[in-house]
């Protein structure tokens, strides 16, 4: 598994759980809730690049 696959694979179940727990939430609220959950789990979220990253670039979500 490459780093670019690892991040989506790790985040997908968290996003699914947040969406299931808050089915009527707006996309903006879901985004905030997902970020809060990721932070609670120890993730450090940093701003990503404004353009598509180069192949092999580090993911913008990092785990401890």
N, C-alpha and C. Protein backbone atom coordinates (compact mmCIF):
# COMPACT_ATOMS: atom_id res chain seq x y z
N UNK A 1 0.84 -1.18 0.00
CA UNK A 1 0.00 0.00 0.00
C UNK A 1 0.89 1.24 0.00
N UNK A 2 0.58 2.18 -0.87
CA UNK A 2 1.35 3.42 -0.93
C UNK A 2 0.81 4.43 0.08
N UNK A 3 1.59 5.46 0.43
CA UNK A 3 1.09 6.47 1.36
C UNK A 3 -0.19 7.15 0.87
N UNK A 4 -0.32 7.33 -0.45
CA UNK A 4 -1.53 7.98 -0.96
C UNK A 4 -2.75 7.07 -0.84
N UNK A 5 -2.56 5.77 -0.76
CA UNK A 5 -3.67 4.85 -0.52
C UNK A 5 -3.96 4.72 0.96
N UNK A 6 -2.95 4.80 1.80
CA UNK A 6 -3.10 4.59 3.23
C UNK A 6 -4.00 5.63 3.88
N UNK A 7 -3.86 6.88 3.50
CA UNK A 7 -4.67 7.93 4.12
C UNK A 7 -6.14 7.74 3.81
N UNK A 8 -6.56 7.62 2.55
CA UNK A 8 -7.99 7.40 2.30
C UNK A 8 -8.51 6.12 2.96
N UNK A 9 -7.72 5.06 2.95
CA UNK A 9 -8.15 3.82 3.57
C UNK A 9 -8.34 3.97 5.07
N UNK A 10 -7.52 4.77 5.71
CA UNK A 10 -7.62 4.98 7.15
C UNK A 10 -8.76 5.93 7.50
N UNK A 11 -9.04 6.89 6.65
CA UNK A 11 -10.05 7.91 6.95
C UNK A 11 -11.46 7.44 6.58
N UNK A 12 -11.60 6.58 5.61
CA UNK A 12 -12.92 6.16 5.14
C UNK A 12 -13.84 5.65 6.24
N UNK A 13 -13.38 4.75 7.13
CA UNK A 13 -14.30 4.28 8.17
C UNK A 13 -14.69 5.38 9.17
N UNK A 14 -13.81 6.32 9.38
CA UNK A 14 -14.12 7.43 10.29
C UNK A 14 -15.19 8.32 9.66
N UNK A 15 -15.03 8.63 8.38
CA UNK A 15 -16.03 9.43 7.69
C UNK A 15 -17.37 8.72 7.66
N UNK A 16 -17.36 7.43 7.39
CA UNK A 16 -18.60 6.65 7.35
C UNK A 16 -19.30 6.68 8.70
N UNK A 17 -18.54 6.55 9.78
CA UNK A 17 -19.14 6.56 11.12
C UNK A 17 -19.75 7.92 11.43
N UNK A 18 -19.05 8.99 11.10
CA UNK A 18 -19.57 10.34 11.35
C UNK A 18 -20.85 10.55 10.54
N UNK A 19 -20.85 10.13 9.30
CA UNK A 19 -22.04 10.30 8.45
C UNK A 19 -23.21 9.48 8.98
N UNK A 20 -22.94 8.29 9.49
CA UNK A 20 -23.99 7.44 10.02
C UNK A 20 -24.56 8.03 11.32
N UNK A 21 -23.71 8.60 12.14
CA UNK A 21 -24.15 9.17 13.42
C UNK A 21 -24.91 10.48 13.23
N UNK A 22 -24.68 11.17 12.11
CA UNK A 22 -25.30 12.48 11.87
C UNK A 22 -25.89 12.53 10.45
N UNK A 23 -26.91 11.71 10.17
CA UNK A 23 -27.41 11.60 8.79
C UNK A 23 -28.04 12.89 8.24
N UNK A 24 -28.53 13.76 9.10
CA UNK A 24 -29.19 14.98 8.61
C UNK A 24 -28.24 16.18 8.59
N UNK A 25 -26.99 15.98 8.94
CA UNK A 25 -26.04 17.10 9.00
C UNK A 25 -25.69 17.59 7.60
N UNK A 26 -25.40 18.89 7.52
CA UNK A 26 -24.97 19.48 6.26
C UNK A 26 -23.55 19.01 5.95
N UNK A 27 -23.12 19.14 4.70
CA UNK A 27 -21.74 18.78 4.37
C UNK A 27 -20.71 19.54 5.21
N UNK A 28 -20.97 20.81 5.47
CA UNK A 28 -20.04 21.61 6.27
C UNK A 28 -19.96 21.08 7.69
N UNK A 29 -21.10 20.72 8.28
CA UNK A 29 -21.12 20.17 9.63
C UNK A 29 -20.43 18.81 9.66
N UNK A 30 -20.69 17.98 8.65
CA UNK A 30 -20.02 16.67 8.59
C UNK A 30 -18.51 16.84 8.51
N UNK A 31 -18.06 17.81 7.75
CA UNK A 31 -16.62 18.05 7.63
C UNK A 31 -16.03 18.44 8.99
N UNK A 32 -16.70 19.34 9.69
CA UNK A 32 -16.21 19.75 11.01
C UNK A 32 -16.20 18.58 11.99
N UNK A 33 -17.27 17.78 11.97
CA UNK A 33 -17.36 16.62 12.87
C UNK A 33 -16.27 15.59 12.54
N UNK A 34 -16.02 15.39 11.25
CA UNK A 34 -14.99 14.43 10.85
C UNK A 34 -13.61 14.90 11.31
N UNK A 35 -13.33 16.18 11.15
CA UNK A 35 -12.05 16.72 11.59
C UNK A 35 -11.92 16.59 13.10
N UNK A 36 -12.99 16.89 13.83
CA UNK A 36 -12.96 16.76 15.29
C UNK A 36 -12.69 15.31 15.70
N UNK A 37 -13.32 14.37 15.02
CA UNK A 37 -13.10 12.95 15.34
C UNK A 37 -11.67 12.53 15.03
N UNK A 38 -11.16 12.95 13.89
CA UNK A 38 -9.77 12.62 13.53
C UNK A 38 -8.80 13.20 14.56
N UNK A 39 -9.03 14.43 14.98
CA UNK A 39 -8.16 15.04 15.99
C UNK A 39 -8.25 14.28 17.31
N UNK A 40 -9.46 13.88 17.68
CA UNK A 40 -9.65 13.12 18.92
C UNK A 40 -8.89 11.79 18.88
N UNK A 41 -8.72 11.26 17.68
CA UNK A 41 -7.99 10.00 17.50
C UNK A 41 -6.48 10.20 17.36
N UNK A 42 -6.04 11.46 17.47
CA UNK A 42 -4.61 11.72 17.42
C UNK A 42 -4.06 12.16 16.08
N UNK A 43 -4.93 12.36 15.10
CA UNK A 43 -4.46 12.81 13.80
C UNK A 43 -4.09 14.29 13.86
N UNK A 44 -3.10 14.68 13.06
CA UNK A 44 -2.70 16.08 12.93
C UNK A 44 -3.05 16.49 11.52
N UNK A 45 -3.94 17.44 11.40
CA UNK A 45 -4.43 17.86 10.09
C UNK A 45 -3.78 19.19 9.75
N UNK A 46 -3.13 19.22 8.60
CA UNK A 46 -2.45 20.42 8.16
C UNK A 46 -3.01 20.84 6.81
N UNK A 47 -2.87 22.11 6.46
CA UNK A 47 -3.37 22.55 5.16
C UNK A 47 -2.65 21.80 4.04
N UNK A 48 -3.39 21.43 3.06
CA UNK A 48 -2.81 20.72 1.92
C UNK A 48 -2.37 21.69 0.84
N UNK A 49 -1.72 21.17 -0.17
CA UNK A 49 -1.30 22.02 -1.28
C UNK A 49 -2.52 22.54 -2.03
N UNK A 50 -2.37 23.67 -2.67
CA UNK A 50 -3.47 24.25 -3.43
C UNK A 50 -3.57 23.64 -4.83
N UNK A 51 -2.61 22.85 -5.19
CA UNK A 51 -2.65 22.14 -6.49
C UNK A 51 -2.39 20.66 -6.24
N UNK A 52 -2.59 19.87 -7.26
CA UNK A 52 -2.38 18.43 -7.13
C UNK A 52 -0.93 18.15 -6.74
N UNK A 53 -0.72 17.32 -5.70
CA UNK A 53 0.67 17.06 -5.26
C UNK A 53 1.45 16.24 -6.28
N UNK A 54 2.74 16.37 -6.22
CA UNK A 54 3.62 15.58 -7.06
C UNK A 54 3.58 14.12 -6.62
N UNK A 55 3.80 13.18 -7.54
CA UNK A 55 3.85 11.77 -7.14
C UNK A 55 4.89 11.57 -6.04
N UNK A 56 4.53 10.83 -5.02
CA UNK A 56 5.44 10.56 -3.93
C UNK A 56 5.42 11.60 -2.82
N UNK A 57 4.59 12.66 -3.00
CA UNK A 57 4.52 13.69 -1.96
C UNK A 57 3.86 13.12 -0.73
N UNK A 58 4.23 13.63 0.43
CA UNK A 58 3.68 13.16 1.69
C UNK A 58 2.19 13.52 1.76
N UNK A 59 1.37 12.65 2.36
CA UNK A 59 -0.04 12.98 2.52
C UNK A 59 -0.20 14.17 3.47
N UNK A 60 -1.34 14.85 3.38
CA UNK A 60 -1.56 16.03 4.22
C UNK A 60 -2.18 15.65 5.56
N UNK A 61 -2.58 14.43 5.76
CA UNK A 61 -3.07 13.95 7.05
C UNK A 61 -2.02 13.01 7.61
N UNK A 62 -1.60 13.24 8.84
CA UNK A 62 -0.56 12.42 9.42
C UNK A 62 -1.04 11.82 10.72
N UNK A 63 -0.67 10.60 10.98
CA UNK A 63 -1.00 9.97 12.24
C UNK A 63 0.20 10.07 13.16
N UNK A 64 -0.03 10.00 14.47
CA UNK A 64 1.10 10.10 15.39
C UNK A 64 2.06 8.93 15.26
